[in-house]
C-alpha atoms as a PDB file:
ATOM      1  CA  ALA A   1      97.690 113.989 133.993  1.00  0.00           C
ATOM      2  CA  LYS A   2      97.809 113.755 130.193  1.00  0.00           C
ATOM      3  CA  LYS A   3     101.615 113.714 130.251  1.00  0.00           C
ATOM      4  CA  ALA A   4     101.552 110.982 132.884  1.00  0.00           C
ATOM      5  CA  ASN A   5      99.133 108.918 130.799  1.00  0.00           C
ATOM      6  CA  LEU A   6     101.343 109.279 127.747  1.00  0.00           C
ATOM      7  CA  ASP A   7     104.443 108.250 129.700  1.00  0.00           C
ATOM      8  CA  LEU A   8     102.561 105.259 131.059  1.00  0.00           C
ATOM      9  CA  GLU A   9     101.461 104.163 127.582  1.00  0.00           C
ATOM     10  CA  ASN A  10     105.015 104.467 126.239  1.00  0.00           C
ATOM     11  CA  ALA A  11     106.322 102.495 129.215  1.00  0.00           C
ATOM     12  CA  CYS A  12     103.779  99.761 128.489  1.00  0.00           C
ATOM     13  CA  ASP A  13     104.949  99.636 124.870  1.00  0.00           C
ATOM     14  CA  ASP A  14     108.575  99.313 125.997  1.00  0.00           C
ATOM     15  CA  THR A  15     107.741  96.517 128.400  1.00  0.00           C
ATOM     16  CA  VAL A  16     105.722  94.501 125.897  1.00  0.00           C
ATOM     17  CA  LEU A  17     108.211  94.957 123.051  1.00  0.00           C
ATOM     18  CA  LYS A  18     111.409  94.369 125.004  1.00  0.00           C
ATOM     19  CA  GLY A  19     113.465  91.761 123.165  1.00  0.00           C
ATOM     20  CA  LYS A  20     110.725  91.057 120.649  1.00  0.00           C
ATOM     21  CA  SER A  21     111.309  90.370 116.953  1.00  0.00           C
ATOM     22  CA  ARG A  22     110.651  92.734 114.067  1.00  0.00           C
ATOM     23  CA  LEU A  23     107.591  90.738 113.040  1.00  0.00           C
ATOM     24  CA  TYR A  24     106.176  90.943 116.551  1.00  0.00           C
ATOM     25  CA  ARG A  25     106.652  94.719 116.611  1.00  0.00           C
ATOM     26  CA  LYS A  26     104.895  95.000 113.267  1.00  0.00           C
ATOM     27  CA  GLU A  27     101.916  92.994 114.482  1.00  0.00           C
ATOM     28  CA  TYR A  28     101.828  94.948 117.740  1.00  0.00           C
ATOM     29  CA  GLY A  29     101.664  98.217 115.844  1.00  0.00           C
ATOM     30  CA  THR A  30      98.967  96.814 113.565  1.00  0.00           C
ATOM     31  CA  VAL A  31      96.774  95.893 116.541  1.00  0.00           C
ATOM     32  CA  LEU A  32      97.057  99.415 117.941  1.00  0.00           C
ATOM     33  CA  LEU A  33      96.222 100.882 114.562  1.00  0.00           C
ATOM     34  CA  GLU A  34      93.148  98.738 114.093  1.00  0.00           C
ATOM     35  CA  VAL A  35      91.781  99.752 117.466  1.00  0.00           C
ATOM     36  CA  LEU A  36      92.775 103.394 117.074  1.00  0.00           C
ATOM     37  CA  THR A  37      91.024 103.700 113.717  1.00  0.00           C
ATOM     38  CA  GLU A  38      88.060 101.616 114.879  1.00  0.00           C
ATOM     39  CA  GLN A  39      88.704  98.933 112.288  1.00  0.00           C
ATOM     40  CA  SER A  40      88.615  96.244 114.923  1.00  0.00           C
ATOM     41  CA  HIS A  41      87.082  95.743 118.330  1.00  0.00           C
ATOM     42  CA  ARG A  42      88.281  92.178 118.679  1.00  0.00           C
ATOM     43  CA  VAL A  43      91.181  92.929 121.007  1.00  0.00           C
ATOM     44  CA  PRO A  44      90.482  94.537 124.379  1.00  0.00           C
ATOM     45  CA  LEU A  45      93.236  96.978 125.319  1.00  0.00           C
ATOM     46  CA  SER A  46      94.227  98.280 128.699  1.00  0.00           C
ATOM     47  CA  THR A  47      95.998 101.180 127.028  1.00  0.00           C
ATOM     48  CA  GLY A  48      94.630 104.470 125.778  1.00  0.00           C
ATOM     49  CA  PHE A  49      95.792 106.977 123.185  1.00  0.00           C
ATOM     50  CA  SER A  50      96.827 110.080 125.055  1.00  0.00           C
ATOM     51  CA  GLY A  51      98.189 113.287 123.656  1.00  0.00           C
ATOM     52  CA  LYS A  52      97.747 115.176 120.424  1.00  0.00           C
ATOM     53  CA  LYS A  53      98.785 113.900 117.015  1.00  0.00           C
ATOM     54  CA  LYS A  54     102.431 114.876 117.589  1.00  0.00           C
ATOM     55  CA  GLU A  55     102.617 112.677 120.677  1.00  0.00           C
ATOM     56  CA  MET A  56     100.667 109.888 118.991  1.00  0.00           C
ATOM     57  CA  VAL A  57     102.972 109.852 115.984  1.00  0.00           C
ATOM     58  CA  GLN A  58     105.952 109.885 118.349  1.00  0.00           C
ATOM     59  CA  ARG A  59     104.531 106.816 120.055  1.00  0.00           C
ATOM     60  CA  PHE A  60     104.372 104.923 116.780  1.00  0.00           C
ATOM     61  CA  GLN A  61     107.874 106.153 115.946  1.00  0.00           C
ATOM     62  CA  ASN A  62     109.102 104.690 119.214  1.00  0.00           C
ATOM     63  CA  ILE A  63     107.495 101.382 118.310  1.00  0.00           C
ATOM     64  CA  VAL A  64     109.022 101.445 114.854  1.00  0.00           C
ATOM     65  CA  HIS A  65     112.390 103.046 115.635  1.00  0.00           C
ATOM     66  CA  PRO A  66     113.471 102.396 119.231  1.00  0.00           C
ATOM     67  CA  SER A  67     115.973 104.885 120.582  1.00  0.00           C
ATOM     68  CA  PRO A  68     119.449 103.607 121.578  1.00  0.00           C
ATOM     69  CA  LYS A  69     118.112 103.084 125.100  1.00  0.00           C
ATOM     70  CA  ARG A  70     115.382 100.828 123.795  1.00  0.00           C
ATOM     71  CA  ASN A  71     115.950  97.239 122.714  1.00  0.00           C
ATOM     72  CA  GLY A  72     115.927  96.055 119.116  1.00  0.00           C
ATOM     73  CA  HIS A  73     115.508  97.657 115.724  1.00  0.00           C
ATOM     74  CA  VAL A  74     112.472  97.493 113.532  1.00  0.00           C
ATOM     75  CA  LEU A  75     111.701  97.136 109.931  1.00  0.00           C
ATOM     76  CA  ILE A  76     108.183  98.366 109.421  1.00  0.00           C
ATOM     77  CA  GLY A  77     105.767  99.207 106.821  1.00  0.00           C
ATOM     78  CA  CYS A  78     103.603  99.800 109.888  1.00  0.00           C
ATOM     79  CA  ILE A  79     104.684 103.435 110.321  1.00  0.00           C
ATOM     80  CA  ALA A  80     103.552 104.238 106.805  1.00  0.00           C
ATOM     81  CA  VAL A  81     100.310 102.382 107.382  1.00  0.00           C
ATOM     82  CA  ALA A  82      99.926 104.194 110.684  1.00  0.00           C
ATOM     83  CA  LEU A  83     100.159 107.602 109.126  1.00  0.00           C
ATOM     84  CA  VAL A  84      97.828 106.740 106.263  1.00  0.00           C
ATOM     85  CA  LEU A  85      95.225 105.347 108.617  1.00  0.00           C
ATOM     86  CA  LEU A  86      95.555 108.211 111.042  1.00  0.00           C
ATOM     87  CA  THR A  87      95.134 110.721 108.254  1.00  0.00           C
ATOM     88  CA  SER A  88      92.139 109.020 106.690  1.00  0.00           C
ATOM     89  CA  SER A  89      90.303 107.711 109.718  1.00  0.00           C
ATOM     90  CA  LEU A  90      90.594 110.250 112.527  1.00  0.00           C
ATOM     91  CA  ASN A  91      88.548 113.393 112.870  1.00  0.00           C
ATOM     92  CA  PRO A  92      89.405 116.336 110.544  1.00  0.00           C
ATOM     93  CA  ALA A  93      91.246 118.286 113.208  1.00  0.00           C
ATOM     94  CA  SER A  94      93.433 115.274 113.977  1.00  0.00           C
ATOM     95  CA  ALA A  95      94.156 114.545 110.312  1.00  0.00           C
ATOM     96  CA  GLN A  96      95.221 118.120 109.680  1.00  0.00           C
ATOM     97  CA  ALA A  97      97.888 117.766 112.352  1.00  0.00           C
ATOM     98  CA  LEU A  98      99.742 115.336 110.072  1.00  0.00           C
ATOM     99  CA  ASN A  99     100.724 117.725 107.296  1.00  0.00           C
ATOM    100  CA  PRO A 100     102.466 116.567 104.089  1.00  0.00           C
ATOM    101  CA  SER A 101     105.867 117.595 105.443  1.00  0.00           C
ATOM    102  CA  VAL A 102     105.533 115.290 108.448  1.00  0.00           C
ATOM    103  CA  LEU A 103     104.123 112.506 106.289  1.00  0.00           C
ATOM    104  CA  SER A 104     106.976 112.747 103.829  1.00  0.00           C
ATOM    105  CA  GLN A 105     109.675 112.742 106.466  1.00  0.00           C
ATOM    106  CA  LEU A 106     108.277 109.776 108.371  1.00  0.00           C
ATOM    107  CA  LYS A 107     107.288 107.668 105.372  1.00  0.00           C
ATOM    108  CA  ALA A 108     110.682 108.208 103.770  1.00  0.00           C
ATOM    109  CA  THR A 109     112.383 106.853 106.875  1.00  0.00           C
ATOM    110  CA  HIS A 110     110.086 103.950 107.703  1.00  0.00           C
ATOM    111  CA  THR A 111     112.933 101.431 107.530  1.00  0.00           C
ATOM    112  CA  THR A 112     115.744 100.968 110.019  1.00  0.00           C
ATOM    113  CA  PRO A 113     118.771 103.291 110.104  1.00  0.00           C
ATOM    114  CA  GLU A 114     120.964 100.327 109.141  1.00  0.00           C
ATOM    115  CA  GLU A 115     118.899  99.635 106.029  1.00  0.00           C
ATOM    116  CA  GLN A 116     118.911 103.299 105.078  1.00  0.00           C
ATOM    117  CA  ALA A 117     122.686 103.485 105.500  1.00  0.00           C
ATOM    118  CA  ALA A 118     123.223 100.329 103.441  1.00  0.00           C
ATOM    119  CA  THR A 119     121.067 101.670 100.614  1.00  0.00           C
ATOM    120  CA  LYS A 120     122.868 105.022 100.627  1.00  0.00           C
ATOM    121  CA  ALA A 121     126.236 103.253 100.486  1.00  0.00           C
ATOM    122  CA  LEU A 122     125.029 101.140  97.559  1.00  0.00           C
ATOM    123  CA  LEU A 123     123.782 104.256  95.778  1.00  0.00           C
ATOM    124  CA  ALA A 124     127.208 105.871  96.103  1.00  0.00           C
ATOM    125  CA  GLN A 125     128.792 102.771  94.548  1.00  0.00           C
ATOM    126  CA  CYS A 126     126.262 102.729  91.713  1.00  0.00           C
ATOM    127  CA  LEU A 127     126.755 106.427  90.903  1.00  0.00           C
ATOM    128  CA  GLU A 128     130.554 106.452  91.199  1.00  0.00           C
ATOM    129  CA  GLY A 129     132.139 107.339  87.870  1.00  0.00           C
ATOM    130  CA  SER A 130     128.814 108.406  86.365  1.00  0.00           C
ATOM    131  CA  MET A 131     127.358 111.792  85.501  1.00  0.00           C
ATOM    132  CA  PHE A 132     125.344 111.517  88.726  1.00  0.00           C
ATOM    133  CA  GLU A 133     128.352 110.984  90.993  1.00  0.00           C
ATOM    134  CA  ASN A 134     127.635 114.131  93.037  1.00  0.00           C
ATOM    135  CA  TYR A 135     124.055 113.146  93.791  1.00  0.00           C
ATOM    136  CA  GLN A 136     123.174 112.526  97.440  1.00  0.00           C
ATOM    137  CA  PRO A 137     119.932 112.107  99.421  1.00  0.00           C
ATOM    138  CA  PHE A 138     118.573 115.626  99.835  1.00  0.00           C
ATOM    139  CA  ARG A 139     118.044 115.223 103.583  1.00  0.00           C
ATOM    140  CA  ASP A 140     121.798 114.798 104.001  1.00  0.00           C
ATOM    141  CA  LEU A 141     122.576 118.133 102.325  1.00  0.00           C
ATOM    142  CA  PRO A 142     122.587 121.706 103.724  1.00  0.00           C
ATOM    143  CA  LEU A 143     119.813 122.919 101.432  1.00  0.00           C
ATOM    144  CA  THR A 144     117.924 126.172 101.721  1.00  0.00           C
ATOM    145  CA  ASP A 145     114.461 125.888 103.234  1.00  0.00           C
ATOM    146  CA  GLU A 146     112.909 126.498  99.830  1.00  0.00           C
ATOM    147  CA  ASN A 147     114.923 123.758  98.112  1.00  0.00           C
ATOM    148  CA  TYR A 148     114.386 121.351 100.996  1.00  0.00           C
ATOM    149  CA  GLN A 149     110.628 121.842 100.934  1.00  0.00           C
ATOM    150  CA  ARG A 150     110.485 121.472  97.159  1.00  0.00           C
ATOM    151  CA  CYS A 151     112.481 118.223  97.285  1.00  0.00           C
ATOM    152  CA  GLU A 152     110.397 116.931 100.161  1.00  0.00           C
ATOM    153  CA  GLN A 153     107.139 117.617  98.348  1.00  0.00           C
ATOM    154  CA  ALA A 154     108.388 116.080  95.089  1.00  0.00           C
ATOM    155  CA  GLU A 155     109.468 112.928  96.902  1.00  0.00           C
ATOM    156  CA  GLU A 156     106.159 112.718  98.727  1.00  0.00           C
ATOM    157  CA  SER A 157     104.152 113.321  95.544  1.00  0.00           C
ATOM    158  CA  TYR A 158     105.884 110.514  93.680  1.00  0.00           C
ATOM    159  CA  ARG A 159     105.835 108.144  96.648  1.00  0.00           C
ATOM    160  CA  SER A 160     102.085 108.678  96.979  1.00  0.00           C
ATOM    161  CA  LEU A 161     101.696 107.875  93.300  1.00  0.00           C
ATOM    162  CA  LEU A 162     103.706 104.643  93.555  1.00  0.00           C
ATOM    163  CA  GLU A 163     101.516 103.457  96.401  1.00  0.00           C
ATOM    164  CA  LYS A 164      98.546 103.512  94.015  1.00  0.00           C
ATOM    165  CA  VAL A 165     100.168 100.868  91.806  1.00  0.00           C
ATOM    166  CA  SER A 166      98.425  97.506  91.764  1.00  0.00           C
ATOM    167  CA  PRO A 167      99.816  95.162  94.457  1.00  0.00           C
ATOM    168  CA  THR A 168     100.453  92.593  91.721  1.00  0.00           C
ATOM    169  CA  MET A 169     103.054  94.842  90.086  1.00  0.00           C
ATOM    170  CA  GLN A 170     106.726  94.780  91.080  1.00  0.00           C
ATOM    171  CA  THR A 171     106.729  98.587  91.021  1.00  0.00           C
ATOM    172  CA  ARG A 172     104.551  98.507  94.140  1.00  0.00           C
ATOM    173  CA  GLU A 173     107.556  97.153  96.074  1.00  0.00           C
ATOM    174  CA  TYR A 174     109.533 100.360  95.561  1.00  0.00           C
ATOM    175  CA  THR A 175     108.079 102.003  98.662  1.00  0.00           C
ATOM    176  CA  ASN A 176     108.343  98.867 100.817  1.00  0.00           C
ATOM    177  CA  ASN A 177     112.132  99.190 100.858  1.00  0.00           C
ATOM    178  CA  PRO A 178     114.386 102.196 101.566  1.00  0.00           C
ATOM    179  CA  PHE A 179     113.792 105.005  99.073  1.00  0.00           C
ATOM    180  CA  PHE A 180     114.796 108.639  98.817  1.00  0.00           C
ATOM    181  CA  LEU A 181     115.213 111.537  96.433  1.00  0.00           C
ATOM    182  CA  ALA A 182     118.855 112.278  95.609  1.00  0.00           C
ATOM    183  CA  VAL A 183     119.914 115.637  94.152  1.00  0.00           C
ATOM    184  CA  ASP A 184     123.111 117.230  92.856  1.00  0.00           C
ATOM    185  CA  SER A 185     125.125 118.263  95.912  1.00  0.00           C
ATOM    186  CA  LYS A 186     127.069 120.788  93.804  1.00  0.00           C
ATOM    187  CA  LYS A 187     123.977 122.470  92.403  1.00  0.00           C
ATOM    188  CA  LYS A 188     123.702 126.190  93.102  1.00  0.00           C
ATOM    189  CA  GLY A 189     120.397 128.008  93.240  1.00  0.00           C
ATOM    190  CA  GLU A 190     117.014 126.432  92.705  1.00  0.00           C
ATOM    191  CA  ILE A 191     116.838 122.634  92.646  1.00  0.00           C
ATOM    192  CA  THR A 192     114.136 121.285  90.344  1.00  0.00           C
ATOM    193  CA  SER A 193     115.385 117.808  89.412  1.00  0.00           C
ATOM    194  CA  GLY A 194     116.737 114.700  91.064  1.00  0.00           C
ATOM    195  CA  LEU A 195     116.804 110.913  91.142  1.00  0.00           C
ATOM    196  CA  PHE A 196     114.146 108.902  92.933  1.00  0.00           C
ATOM    197  CA  CYS A 197     116.171 105.943  94.202  1.00  0.00           C
ATOM    198  CA  CYS A 198     114.302 102.777  95.169  1.00  0.00           C
ATOM    199  CA  GLN A 199     114.468  98.983  95.139  1.00  0.00           C
ATOM    200  CA  ALA A 200     112.193  96.085  94.348  1.00  0.00           C
ATOM    201  CA  ASP A 201     112.468  93.165  96.750  1.00  0.00           C
ATOM    202  CA  ASN A 202     114.759  91.110  94.513  1.00  0.00           C
ATOM    203  CA  GLN A 203     117.048  94.109  93.953  1.00  0.00           C
ATOM    204  CA  VAL A 204     117.797  94.350  97.665  1.00  0.00           C
ATOM    205  CA  ASP A 205     119.436  90.914  97.625  1.00  0.00           C
ATOM    206  CA  GLN A 206     121.174  91.537  94.300  1.00  0.00           C
ATOM    207  CA  GLY A 207     122.657  94.907  95.243  1.00  0.00           C
ATOM    208  CA  GLN A 208     120.821  96.908  92.577  1.00  0.00           C
ATOM    209  CA  ILE A 209     118.954 100.215  92.628  1.00  0.00           C
ATOM    210  CA  THR A 210     116.249 101.556  90.328  1.00  0.00           C
ATOM    211  CA  LEU A 211     116.786 105.166  89.270  1.00  0.00           C
ATOM    212  CA  ILE A 212     113.869 107.335  88.162  1.00  0.00           C
ATOM    213  CA  GLU A 213     114.643 110.911  87.173  1.00  0.00           C
ATOM    214  CA  LEU A 214     112.144 113.480  88.434  1.00  0.00           C
ATOM    215  CA  GLU A 215     111.763 117.008  87.116  1.00  0.00           C
ATOM    216  CA  PHE A 216     109.854 118.943  89.743  1.00  0.00           C
ATOM    217  CA  SER A 217     109.440 122.559  88.769  1.00  0.00           C
ATOM    218  CA  ASP A 218     105.960 121.703  90.025  1.00  0.00           C
ATOM    219  CA  PRO A 219     106.743 119.463  93.028  1.00  0.00           C
ATOM    220  CA  PHE A 220     103.111 118.378  93.294  1.00  0.00           C
ATOM    221  CA  HIS A 221     103.206 116.893  89.775  1.00  0.00           C
ATOM    222  CA  PRO A 222     106.783 115.777  89.027  1.00  0.00           C
ATOM    223  CA  GLU A 223     107.602 114.674  85.491  1.00  0.00           C
ATOM    224  CA  VAL A 224     109.111 111.208  85.237  1.00  0.00           C
ATOM    225  CA  PHE A 225     111.936 109.784  83.142  1.00  0.00           C
ATOM    226  CA  GLU A 226     112.789 106.145  83.786  1.00  0.00           C
ATOM    227  CA  ILE A 227     116.536 105.494  83.727  1.00  0.00           C
ATOM    228  CA  GLY A 228     116.415 101.896  84.895  1.00  0.00           C
ATOM    229  CA  THR A 229     118.561  99.627  87.042  1.00  0.00           C
ATOM    230  CA  ALA A 230     121.939 100.794  88.331  1.00  0.00           C
ATOM    231  CA  PHE A 231     124.705  98.402  89.359  1.00  0.00           C
ATOM    232  CA  ALA A 232     127.628  98.932  91.706  1.00  0.00           C
ATOM    233  CA  CYS A 233     130.919 100.004  90.103  1.00  0.00           C
ATOM    234  CA  GLN A 234     129.349 100.462  86.658  1.00  0.00           C
ATOM    235  CA  GLY A 235     129.162 104.236  86.406  1.00  0.00           C
ATOM    236  CA  GLU A 236     130.122 104.374  82.745  1.00  0.00           C
ATOM    237  CA  GLN A 237     127.442 101.839  81.824  1.00  0.00           C
ATOM    238  CA  LEU A 238     124.934 104.002  83.690  1.00  0.00           C
ATOM    239  CA  ASN A 239     125.965 106.973  81.549  1.00  0.00           C
ATOM    240  CA  GLN A 240     125.530 104.935  78.393  1.00  0.00           C
ATOM    241  CA  ARG A 241     122.096 103.754  79.472  1.00  0.00           C
ATOM    242  CA  TYR A 242     121.005 107.302  80.277  1.00  0.00           C
ATOM    243  CA  PHE A 243     122.177 108.703  76.941  1.00  0.00           C
ATOM    244  CA  GLN A 244     120.599 105.766  75.128  1.00  0.00           C
ATOM    245  CA  ARG A 245     117.265 106.500  76.794  1.00  0.00           C
ATOM    246  CA  GLN A 246     117.558 110.190  75.878  1.00  0.00           C
ATOM    247  CA  SER A 247     118.379 109.271  72.286  1.00  0.00           C
ATOM    248  CA  GLU A 248     115.364 106.974  72.184  1.00  0.00           C
ATOM    249  CA  LYS A 249     113.169 109.793  73.432  1.00  0.00           C
ATOM    250  CA  ARG A 250     114.392 112.084  70.641  1.00  0.00           C
ATOM    251  CA  HIS A 251     113.787 109.301  68.131  1.00  0.00           C
ATOM    252  CA  ILE A 252     110.173 108.958  69.274  1.00  0.00           C
ATOM    253  CA  GLN A 253     109.756 112.704  68.921  1.00  0.00           C
ATOM    254  CA  THR A 254     110.918 112.416  65.308  1.00  0.00           C
ATOM    255  CA  ILE A 255     108.411 109.631  64.648  1.00  0.00           C
ATOM    256  CA  ALA A 256     105.592 111.686  66.164  1.00  0.00           C
ATOM    257  CA  GLU A 257     106.473 114.662  63.990  1.00  0.00           C
ATOM    258  CA  GLN A 258     106.209 112.497  60.865  1.00  0.00           C
ATOM    259  CA  PHE A 259     102.635 111.715  61.887  1.00  0.00           C
ATOM    260  CA  GLN A 260     102.099 115.398  62.757  1.00  0.00           C
ATOM    261  CA  ILE A 261     101.412 114.515  66.382  1.00  0.00           C
ATOM    262  CA  ASP A 262     102.144 117.100  69.067  1.00  0.00           C
ATOM    263  CA  LEU A 263     103.614 115.068  71.927  1.00  0.00           C
ATOM    264  CA  SER A 264     103.403 118.059  74.268  1.00  0.00           C
ATOM    265  CA  GLN A 265      99.714 117.161  74.561  1.00  0.00           C
ATOM    266  CA  TYR A 266     100.578 113.638  75.707  1.00  0.00           C
ATOM    267  CA  GLU A 267     102.208 111.947  78.682  1.00  0.00           C
ATOM    268  CA  GLU A 268     104.640 109.051  78.426  1.00  0.00           C
ATOM    269  CA  ALA A 269     103.190 105.655  79.275  1.00  0.00           C
ATOM    270  CA  PHE A 270     106.197 103.395  78.715  1.00  0.00           C
ATOM    271  CA  SER A 271     106.024 101.425  81.974  1.00  0.00           C
ATOM    272  CA  THR A 272     104.431 101.203  85.407  1.00  0.00           C
ATOM    273  CA  VAL A 273     106.616 103.990  86.865  1.00  0.00           C
ATOM    274  CA  TYR A 274     104.943 106.666  84.729  1.00  0.00           C
ATOM    275  CA  PRO A 275     102.113 108.742  86.264  1.00  0.00           C
ATOM    276  CA  SER A 276      99.777 108.321  83.276  1.00  0.00           C
ATOM    277  CA  VAL A 277      99.953 104.522  83.558  1.00  0.00           C
ATOM    278  CA  ILE A 278      99.369 104.520  87.312  1.00  0.00           C
ATOM    279  CA  GLN A 279      96.565 107.073  87.256  1.00  0.00           C
ATOM    280  CA  ASN A 280      94.730 105.132  84.533  1.00  0.00           C
ATOM    281  CA  GLN A 281      95.800 101.691  85.778  1.00  0.00           C
ATOM    282  CA  ALA A 282      96.832 101.034  82.188  1.00  0.00           C
ATOM    283  CA  TYR A 283      99.228  98.210  83.003  1.00  0.00           C
ATOM    284  CA  LEU A 284      98.176  95.957  80.099  1.00  0.00           C
ATOM    285  CA  LEU A 285      97.994  98.664  77.462  1.00  0.00           C
ATOM    286  CA  GLY A 286     100.626  97.271  75.084  1.00  0.00           C
ATOM    287  CA  GLY A 287      99.279  93.729  75.251  1.00  0.00           C
ATOM    288  CA  SER A 288      95.748  94.931  74.539  1.00  0.00           C
ATOM    289  CA  ILE A 289      96.816  96.820  71.403  1.00  0.00           C
ATOM    290  CA  LYS A 290      98.856  93.851  70.182  1.00  0.00           C
ATOM    291  CA  LYS A 291      95.896  91.473  70.544  1.00  0.00           C
ATOM    292  CA  GLN A 292      93.599  93.874  68.719  1.00  0.00           C
ATOM    293  CA  LEU A 293      96.033  94.213  65.823  1.00  0.00           C
ATOM    294  CA  ALA A 294      96.330  90.429  65.565  1.00  0.00           C
ATOM    295  CA  GLN A 295      92.540  90.114  65.346  1.00  0.00           C
ATOM    296  CA  MET A 296      92.121  93.000  62.901  1.00  0.00           C
ATOM    297  CA  GLY A 297      94.815  91.812  60.528  1.00  0.00           C
ATOM    298  CA  ARG A 298      95.727  95.455  59.963  1.00  0.00           C
ATOM    299  CA  TYR A 299      99.113  95.923  58.312  1.00  0.00           C
ATOM    300  CA  SER A 300      99.857  92.216  57.993  1.00  0.00           C
ATOM    301  CA  PHE A 301     103.495  93.093  57.356  1.00  0.00           C
ATOM    302  CA  GLU A 302     103.832  94.866  60.719  1.00  0.00           C
ATOM    303  CA  LYS A 303     106.108  93.157  63.212  1.00  0.00           C
ATOM    304  CA  PHE A 304     105.017  93.938  66.741  1.00  0.00           C
ATOM    305  CA  SER A 305     107.277  93.663  69.790  1.00  0.00           C
ATOM    306  CA  LEU A 306     106.463  95.254  73.133  1.00  0.00           C
ATOM    307  CA  ASN A 307     110.168  96.012  73.514  1.00  0.00           C
ATOM    308  CA  HIS A 308     110.063  98.301  70.468  1.00  0.00           C
ATOM    309  CA  THR A 309     106.835 100.183  71.083  1.00  0.00           C
ATOM    310  CA  TRP A 310     106.204 103.464  72.869  1.00  0.00           C
ATOM    311  CA  ALA A 311     102.841 104.428  74.322  1.00  0.00           C
ATOM    312  CA  TYR A 312     101.521 107.883  75.150  1.00  0.00           C
ATOM    313  CA  ILE A 313      98.288 108.888  76.863  1.00  0.00           C
ATOM    314  CA  LYS A 314      96.700 112.255  76.200  1.00  0.00           C
ATOM    315  CA  LYS A 315      96.808 114.653  79.130  1.00  0.00           C
ATOM    316  CA  ASP A 316      93.018 114.709  79.340  1.00  0.00           C
ATOM    317  CA  HIS A 317      93.146 110.880  79.594  1.00  0.00           C
ATOM    318  CA  THR A 318      90.548 110.407  76.843  1.00  0.00           C
ATOM    319  CA  GLU A 319      92.749 108.676  74.276  1.00  0.00           C
ATOM    320  CA  GLY A 320      96.308 107.732  73.444  1.00  0.00           C
ATOM    321  CA  VAL A 321      98.698 106.588  70.764  1.00  0.00           C
ATOM    322  CA  LEU A 322     101.110 103.694  70.534  1.00  0.00           C
ATOM    323  CA  PHE A 323     104.078 103.988  68.174  1.00  0.00           C
ATOM    324  CA  ASN A 324     105.744 100.979  66.629  1.00  0.00           C
ATOM    325  CA  GLN A 325     108.663 100.598  64.257  1.00  0.00           C
ATOM    326  CA  ASP A 326     110.006  97.653  62.307  1.00  0.00           C
ATOM    327  CA  GLY A 327     111.928  97.107  59.089  1.00  0.00           C
ATOM    328  CA  ASN A 328     108.867  97.848  56.980  1.00  0.00           C
ATOM    329  CA  GLY A 329     107.842 101.206  58.402  1.00  0.00           C
ATOM    330  CA  ILE A 330     106.652 103.244  61.347  1.00  0.00           C
ATOM    331  CA  TYR A 331     103.167 102.972  62.790  1.00  0.00           C
ATOM    332  CA  ALA A 332     100.819 105.007  64.969  1.00  0.00           C
ATOM    333  CA  HIS A 333      97.884 103.211  66.569  1.00  0.00           C
ATOM    334  CA  PHE A 334      95.382 105.556  68.202  1.00  0.00           C
ATOM    335  CA  PHE A 335      93.170 104.152  70.938  1.00  0.00           C
ATOM    336  CA  ARG A 336      90.394 105.321  73.207  1.00  0.00           C
ATOM    337  CA  MET A 337      90.891 105.401  76.966  1.00  0.00           C
ATOM    338  CA  GLU A 338      88.021 103.999  78.974  1.00  0.00           C
ATOM    339  CA  ALA A 339      87.646 104.926  82.638  1.00  0.00           C
ATOM    340  CA  TYR A 340      89.056 102.136  84.781  1.00  0.00           C
ATOM    341  CA  THR A 341      85.701 101.537  86.459  1.00  0.00           C
ATOM    342  CA  ASP A 342      84.136 101.020  83.025  1.00  0.00           C
ATOM    343  CA  ARG A 343      87.081  99.031  81.705  1.00  0.00           C
ATOM    344  CA  SER A 344      86.879  96.525  84.544  1.00  0.00           C
ATOM    345  CA  LYS A 345      83.390  95.554  83.354  1.00  0.00           C
ATOM    346  CA  ILE A 346      84.618  94.716  79.844  1.00  0.00           C
ATOM    347  CA  SER A 347      85.535  91.115  79.136  1.00  0.00           C
ATOM    348  CA  GLY A 348      88.886  90.522  77.440  1.00  0.00           C
ATOM    349  CA  GLU A 349      91.884  92.831  77.721  1.00  0.00           C
ATOM    350  CA  GLU A 350      91.942  93.229  73.919  1.00  0.00           C
ATOM    351  CA  ASN A 351      88.762  95.280  74.313  1.00  0.00           C
ATOM    352  CA  TRP A 352      90.010  97.602  77.054  1.00  0.00           C
ATOM    353  CA  TYR A 353      91.702 100.157  74.798  1.00  0.00           C
ATOM    354  CA  PRO A 354      89.761 100.040  71.516  1.00  0.00           C
ATOM    355  CA  ILE A 355      91.775 101.175  68.511  1.00  0.00           C
ATOM    356  CA  ILE A 356      90.097 104.066  66.700  1.00  0.00           C
ATOM    357  CA  GLU A 357      92.672 104.731  63.968  1.00  0.00           C
ATOM    358  CA  ASN A 358      95.790 103.170  62.452  1.00  0.00           C
ATOM    359  CA  ARG A 359      98.435 104.965  60.419  1.00  0.00           C
ATOM    360  CA  CYS A 360     101.541 103.694  58.668  1.00  0.00           C
ATOM    361  CA  ILE A 361     104.452 105.367  56.902  1.00  0.00           C
ATOM    362  CA  PRO A 362     106.306 102.708  54.850  1.00  0.00           C
ATOM    363  CA  GLN A 363     110.091 102.771  54.806  1.00  0.00           C
END
């Protein structure tokens, strides 16, 4: 009887969705989700929700990704929403059925096969002639179970982090479009690094991909290194950009050593792709420090440009330091980190990260 009910529900979905647009499918899935998670009782349904979580997820997959025998293809953020809502809103036994492995696999493929294929083809063009030329999406490679699981968890960990970014930030768009973790296809042994490949909305139209290097010896807490935007048929430029970023990182290390600061106790906070920025919602950190310095009049000779500053947040998230360099010297501005809930009550962004110490080494 349960199998018959499930078949009937799937048949109803097929009938309703036959020939319908992507937008219609998205809204259809949203209605089911609202009722399923008891967020809405506005719409009476003549359908039920038969089967265990495996069958229920399969039903949403069929809505999102029709098989060749079904009509139409779907673009959906609805599958990701479905899984999040199912995990958070159903009873504990049901939520446990959707383990991280299933979540990762489904969320990573929530766009259409055509969109995935187009993004993979673009990635190959962007990496051609670069030091990353052998990198491919890990799901397309014959990896060992251990490597596959590590890659899957690293991808899921970083995706989950990106989805915590404020909706007002462009970075939040990275998981709305095709994304995947690419790794070195020639790598032997344990795989602990790769490229998180993603796109903001405007990059999809412009044929660009954002590359974020992940080091995932600990796949639950991958370390992030932002490479930046990659363009098709510009592999050598990608190499130059990567080496430039590495050189910049070494330069910052040298500056920190001059101030006798141990950067191993800090996390990079250069942009909105870094975990420390997302976890602390410290999106306006640089602007806050700049406004404070302007008000304080400290080091009147200091020239301050957000493009030539580097922020770090201490691993215990209690304080941080922002380095600056101009023709007159190098600077270290130490600031206190307020909890976001406390910070949101403070008027004026210049007061969100109060400076507690300033240092300067003239040049």
